[in-house]
Amino acid sequence: MQGSGLALVLTFTIAALIPGLLVFDVEVVFFYPWAVLYNDLSIFGLIEMTVFILIVALALIYAWKEGALEWR
C-alpha cells in the first residue's frame, strides 16, 4: 500500500494535463495559419480571430471563477 500514493498523484497529474494540452493544441491549430496568412485575410480574418480569442478568454475566466485553476 505504500506505493499507491504515487499512482494516485500520477493519475491526477495525467487527468489534469491531457485536457490542458488538448486546448493548447486547438489554439495553435487556429493561431498558426492565421499568423501565416494575416496580410491576406484583411478585416474578416481580424474579426474572426478576435471572436476566437474572446471565446478562449471567456472560457478561462469561467474556469477561474469556478475554481478549476485552484490546487486543492
C-alpha atoms as a PDB file:
ATOM      1  CA  MET A   1       0.000   0.000   0.000  1.00  0.00           C
ATOM      2  CA  GLN A   2       2.952   2.316   0.301  1.00  0.00           C
ATOM      3  CA  GLY A   3       3.297   2.954  -3.450  1.00  0.00           C
ATOM      4  CA  SER A   4      -0.393   3.711  -4.033  1.00  0.00           C
ATOM      5  CA  GLY A   5       0.080   7.426  -3.278  1.00  0.00           C
ATOM      6  CA  LEU A   6       2.382   7.798  -6.249  1.00  0.00           C
ATOM      7  CA  ALA A   7      -0.137   6.117  -8.551  1.00  0.00           C
ATOM      8  CA  LEU A   8      -2.855   8.459  -7.298  1.00  0.00           C
ATOM      9  CA  VAL A   9      -0.716  11.561  -7.893  1.00  0.00           C
ATOM     10  CA  LEU A  10       0.213  10.306 -11.357  1.00  0.00           C
ATOM     11  CA  THR A  11      -3.425   9.662 -12.228  1.00  0.00           C
ATOM     12  CA  PHE A  12      -4.460  13.171 -11.186  1.00  0.00           C
ATOM     13  CA  THR A  13      -1.484  14.712 -12.973  1.00  0.00           C
ATOM     14  CA  ILE A  14      -2.329  12.952 -16.225  1.00  0.00           C
ATOM     15  CA  ALA A  15      -6.022  13.805 -15.856  1.00  0.00           C
ATOM     16  CA  ALA A  16      -5.098  17.479 -15.426  1.00  0.00           C
ATOM     17  CA  LEU A  17      -2.529  17.659 -18.218  1.00  0.00           C
ATOM     18  CA  ILE A  18      -4.403  15.984 -21.056  1.00  0.00           C
ATOM     19  CA  PRO A  19      -7.320  18.477 -21.305  1.00  0.00           C
ATOM     20  CA  GLY A  20      -4.918  21.409 -20.981  1.00  0.00           C
ATOM     21  CA  LEU A  21      -2.712  20.094 -23.754  1.00  0.00           C
ATOM     22  CA  LEU A  22      -5.716  19.475 -25.988  1.00  0.00           C
ATOM     23  CA  VAL A  23      -6.927  23.046 -25.527  1.00  0.00           C
ATOM     24  CA  PHE A  24      -3.435  24.379 -26.250  1.00  0.00           C
ATOM     25  CA  ASP A  25      -3.183  22.250 -29.390  1.00  0.00           C
ATOM     26  CA  VAL A  26      -6.533  23.509 -30.665  1.00  0.00           C
ATOM     27  CA  GLU A  27      -5.442  27.102 -30.086  1.00  0.00           C
ATOM     28  CA  VAL A  28      -2.202  26.532 -32.004  1.00  0.00           C
ATOM     29  CA  VAL A  29      -4.115  24.922 -34.878  1.00  0.00           C
ATOM     30  CA  PHE A  30      -6.130  28.141 -35.229  1.00  0.00           C
ATOM     31  CA  PHE A  31      -3.385  30.678 -34.477  1.00  0.00           C
ATOM     32  CA  TYR A  32      -0.640  29.365 -36.756  1.00  0.00           C
ATOM     33  CA  PRO A  33      -2.490  29.559 -40.106  1.00  0.00           C
ATOM     34  CA  TRP A  34      -3.923  32.918 -39.088  1.00  0.00           C
ATOM     35  CA  ALA A  35      -0.449  34.276 -38.357  1.00  0.00           C
ATOM     36  CA  VAL A  36       0.906  32.972 -41.668  1.00  0.00           C
ATOM     37  CA  LEU A  37      -1.960  34.410 -43.754  1.00  0.00           C
ATOM     38  CA  TYR A  38      -2.530  37.572 -41.702  1.00  0.00           C
ATOM     39  CA  ASN A  39      -1.908  40.004 -44.598  1.00  0.00           C
ATOM     40  CA  ASP A  40      -4.234  38.127 -46.969  1.00  0.00           C
ATOM     41  CA  LEU A  41      -7.197  37.815 -44.593  1.00  0.00           C
ATOM     42  CA  SER A  42      -7.990  41.543 -44.282  1.00  0.00           C
ATOM     43  CA  ILE A  43     -10.600  42.686 -41.769  1.00  0.00           C
ATOM     44  CA  PHE A  44     -12.572  39.412 -41.857  1.00  0.00           C
ATOM     45  CA  GLY A  45      -9.590  37.482 -40.504  1.00  0.00           C
ATOM     46  CA  LEU A  46      -9.068  40.054 -37.772  1.00  0.00           C
ATOM     47  CA  ILE A  47     -12.702  39.862 -36.688  1.00  0.00           C
ATOM     48  CA  GLU A  48     -12.673  36.068 -36.801  1.00  0.00           C
ATOM     49  CA  MET A  49      -9.575  35.865 -34.601  1.00  0.00           C
ATOM     50  CA  THR A  50     -10.931  38.476 -32.205  1.00  0.00           C
ATOM     51  CA  VAL A  51     -14.057  36.358 -31.712  1.00  0.00           C
ATOM     52  CA  PHE A  52     -11.934  33.232 -31.182  1.00  0.00           C
ATOM     53  CA  ILE A  53      -9.695  34.977 -28.631  1.00  0.00           C
ATOM     54  CA  LEU A  54     -12.766  36.294 -26.804  1.00  0.00           C
ATOM     55  CA  ILE A  55     -14.237  32.782 -26.593  1.00  0.00           C
ATOM     56  CA  VAL A  56     -10.988  31.388 -25.213  1.00  0.00           C
ATOM     57  CA  ALA A  57     -10.681  34.291 -22.750  1.00  0.00           C
ATOM     58  CA  LEU A  58     -14.269  33.829 -21.556  1.00  0.00           C
ATOM     59  CA  ALA A  59     -13.621  30.115 -21.039  1.00  0.00           C
ATOM     60  CA  LEU A  60     -10.520  30.950 -18.978  1.00  0.00           C
ATOM     61  CA  ILE A  61     -12.432  33.468 -16.867  1.00  0.00           C
ATOM     62  CA  TYR A  62     -15.223  30.944 -16.305  1.00  0.00           C
ATOM     63  CA  ALA A  63     -12.760  28.243 -15.259  1.00  0.00           C
ATOM     64  CA  TRP A  64     -11.024  30.708 -12.949  1.00  0.00           C
ATOM     65  CA  LYS A  65     -14.292  31.763 -11.260  1.00  0.00           C
ATOM     66  CA  GLU A  66     -15.402  28.143 -10.853  1.00  0.00           C
ATOM     67  CA  GLY A  67     -12.142  27.334  -9.076  1.00  0.00           C
ATOM     68  CA  ALA A  68     -10.909  24.917 -11.718  1.00  0.00           C
ATOM     69  CA  LEU A  69      -7.461  26.510 -11.623  1.00  0.00           C
ATOM     70  CA  GLU A  70      -7.048  26.131  -7.858  1.00  0.00           C
ATOM     71  CA  TRP A  71      -4.785  23.435  -6.469  1.00  0.00           C
ATOM     72  CA  ARG A  72      -6.663  21.593  -3.716  1.00  0.00           C
END
